[in-house]
Amino acid sequence: MNVTIRGHHITVTEAMNNAVHDKLTKIARHFDQIQSIQVILSLDNSGASDGGQKSHKAEAIMRVSGQEMFVQALEDDMYKAINEMADKLDRQVSKYKTRLERNKVKGAGRDARFVDSADEDVEPVA
């Protein structure tokens, strides 16, 4: 699993890097087919000019075979944003994993539309 962490308007510290890696290893334990994860940590100052709280944003783009998942979390603390981002990503991974397992089970049986001609009772045409 390839993990890339970038900062936008913020310097990514070693503690932030460790927090992201700790959370993402828990997700990797649930699902082993992750190809790459790109994490962007940013500081959004749009609400700060009018007296609002500065908003910390954590975004993640995760690539698995055949699909790309995107999550983002906005919080007043960067570590809260990282935790929320990881929780959202974990929920998406579990939904994706459940969908894969359901499709495996559904595809295992015979389809009712296709019936062998030996199974049908065919009356001879006179």
Protein backbone atom coordinates (compact mmCIF):
# COMPACT_ATOMS: atom_id res chain seq x y z
CA MET A 1 0.00 0.00 0.00
CA ASN A 2 1.44 3.33 -1.11
CA VAL A 3 0.57 6.27 1.20
CA THR A 4 1.24 9.88 0.19
CA ILE A 5 0.65 12.72 2.67
CA ARG A 6 0.68 16.36 1.54
CA GLY A 7 -0.03 19.62 3.30
CA HIS A 8 -1.85 22.58 1.77
CA HIS A 9 -1.33 25.89 3.65
CA ILE A 10 0.04 23.81 6.52
CA THR A 11 3.29 22.05 7.35
CA VAL A 12 2.82 18.32 7.95
CA THR A 13 4.54 17.52 11.23
CA GLU A 14 5.90 14.15 12.28
CA ALA A 15 3.01 13.76 14.75
CA MET A 16 0.44 14.36 11.98
CA ASN A 17 2.28 11.92 9.73
CA ASN A 18 2.27 9.26 12.48
CA ALA A 19 -1.43 9.86 13.25
CA VAL A 20 -2.38 9.39 9.58
CA HIS A 21 -0.25 6.24 9.23
CA ASP A 22 -1.69 4.74 12.44
CA LYS A 23 -5.27 5.29 11.26
CA LEU A 24 -4.61 3.98 7.75
CA THR A 25 -2.94 0.78 8.97
CA LYS A 26 -6.19 -0.07 10.78
CA ILE A 27 -8.05 0.30 7.48
CA ALA A 28 -5.45 -1.82 5.69
CA ARG A 29 -6.07 -4.61 8.22
CA HIS A 30 -9.74 -4.72 7.20
CA PHE A 31 -9.09 -4.76 3.45
CA ASP A 32 -5.84 -5.92 1.86
CA GLN A 33 -6.50 -4.93 -1.78
CA ILE A 34 -5.71 -1.22 -1.36
CA GLN A 35 -3.38 0.05 -4.08
CA SER A 36 -2.70 3.59 -2.88
CA ILE A 37 -3.96 6.31 -0.57
CA GLN A 38 -3.34 10.01 -1.09
CA VAL A 39 -3.99 12.21 1.97
CA ILE A 40 -4.20 16.02 1.81
CA LEU A 41 -4.17 17.96 5.07
CA SER A 42 -5.14 21.61 4.71
CA LEU A 43 -6.04 24.71 6.67
CA ASP A 44 -9.12 26.50 5.33
CA ASN A 45 -9.07 30.19 6.27
CA SER A 46 -12.29 31.15 4.49
CA GLY A 47 -14.30 31.50 7.72
CA ALA A 48 -11.52 33.15 9.72
CA SER A 49 -11.87 36.59 8.11
CA ASP A 50 -15.39 37.12 9.46
CA GLY A 51 -14.59 35.94 12.98
CA GLY A 52 -15.33 32.26 12.30
CA GLN A 53 -13.26 29.35 13.49
CA LYS A 54 -10.34 28.21 11.37
CA SER A 55 -11.22 24.92 9.81
CA HIS A 56 -8.84 22.01 9.46
CA LYS A 57 -9.57 19.70 6.57
CA ALA A 58 -8.36 16.15 5.96
CA GLU A 59 -9.07 14.57 2.57
CA ALA A 60 -8.21 11.10 1.31
CA ILE A 61 -8.38 9.47 -2.10
CA MET A 62 -8.07 5.70 -1.91
CA ARG A 63 -7.60 3.52 -4.97
CA VAL A 64 -8.61 -0.13 -4.96
CA SER A 65 -8.91 -2.38 -7.97
CA GLY A 66 -11.57 -0.89 -10.21
CA GLN A 67 -12.65 1.91 -7.88
CA GLU A 68 -11.59 5.18 -6.32
CA MET A 69 -13.00 6.38 -2.99
CA PHE A 70 -12.93 9.98 -1.75
CA VAL A 71 -13.62 11.26 1.78
CA GLN A 72 -13.13 14.58 3.50
CA ALA A 73 -13.56 15.79 7.05
CA LEU A 74 -13.74 19.34 8.45
CA GLU A 75 -13.02 19.94 12.14
CA ASP A 76 -11.63 22.67 14.37
CA ASP A 77 -8.64 20.43 15.24
CA MET A 78 -6.44 18.64 12.68
CA TYR A 79 -6.28 15.41 14.71
CA LYS A 80 -10.08 15.32 15.00
CA ALA A 81 -10.26 15.80 11.22
CA ILE A 82 -7.79 12.94 10.68
CA ASN A 83 -9.82 10.66 12.97
CA GLU A 84 -13.10 11.52 11.24
CA MET A 85 -11.53 11.05 7.79
CA ALA A 86 -10.23 7.62 8.79
CA ASP A 87 -13.65 6.62 10.20
CA LYS A 88 -15.41 7.66 6.99
CA LEU A 89 -12.86 5.80 4.88
CA ASP A 90 -13.27 2.71 7.06
CA ARG A 91 -17.06 2.79 6.55
CA GLN A 92 -16.61 3.09 2.77
CA VAL A 93 -14.15 0.20 2.75
CA SER A 94 -16.51 -2.03 4.73
CA LYS A 95 -19.41 -1.17 2.38
CA TYR A 96 -17.21 -1.94 -0.64
CA LYS A 97 -16.03 -5.21 0.90
CA THR A 98 -19.64 -6.24 1.70
CA ARG A 99 -20.68 -5.42 -1.86
CA LEU A 100 -17.84 -7.57 -3.25
CA GLU A 101 -18.80 -10.51 -1.04
CA ARG A 102 -22.49 -10.17 -1.94
CA ASN A 103 -21.68 -10.19 -5.65
CA LYS A 104 -19.53 -13.30 -5.21
CA VAL A 105 -22.39 -15.17 -3.54
CA LYS A 106 -24.97 -13.95 -6.03
CA GLY A 107 -22.84 -14.99 -9.01
CA ALA A 108 -22.21 -18.51 -7.70
CA GLY A 109 -25.69 -19.93 -8.41
CA ARG A 110 -27.39 -20.73 -11.70
CA ASP A 111 -29.37 -18.07 -13.43
CA ALA A 112 -33.05 -18.94 -13.86
CA ARG A 113 -33.14 -17.40 -17.32
CA PHE A 114 -30.84 -20.06 -18.72
CA VAL A 115 -32.20 -23.56 -18.37
CA ASP A 116 -30.61 -26.60 -19.97
CA SER A 117 -32.68 -28.14 -22.76
CA ALA A 118 -32.32 -31.55 -21.08
CA ASP A 119 -34.16 -30.20 -18.03
CA GLU A 120 -37.20 -29.04 -20.00
CA ASP A 121 -40.14 -31.26 -20.83
CA VAL A 122 -40.50 -30.81 -24.57
CA GLU A 123 -43.52 -32.24 -26.31
CA PRO A 124 -42.89 -33.57 -29.84
CA VAL A 125 -44.52 -31.57 -32.60
CA ALA A 126 -46.96 -33.65 -34.66
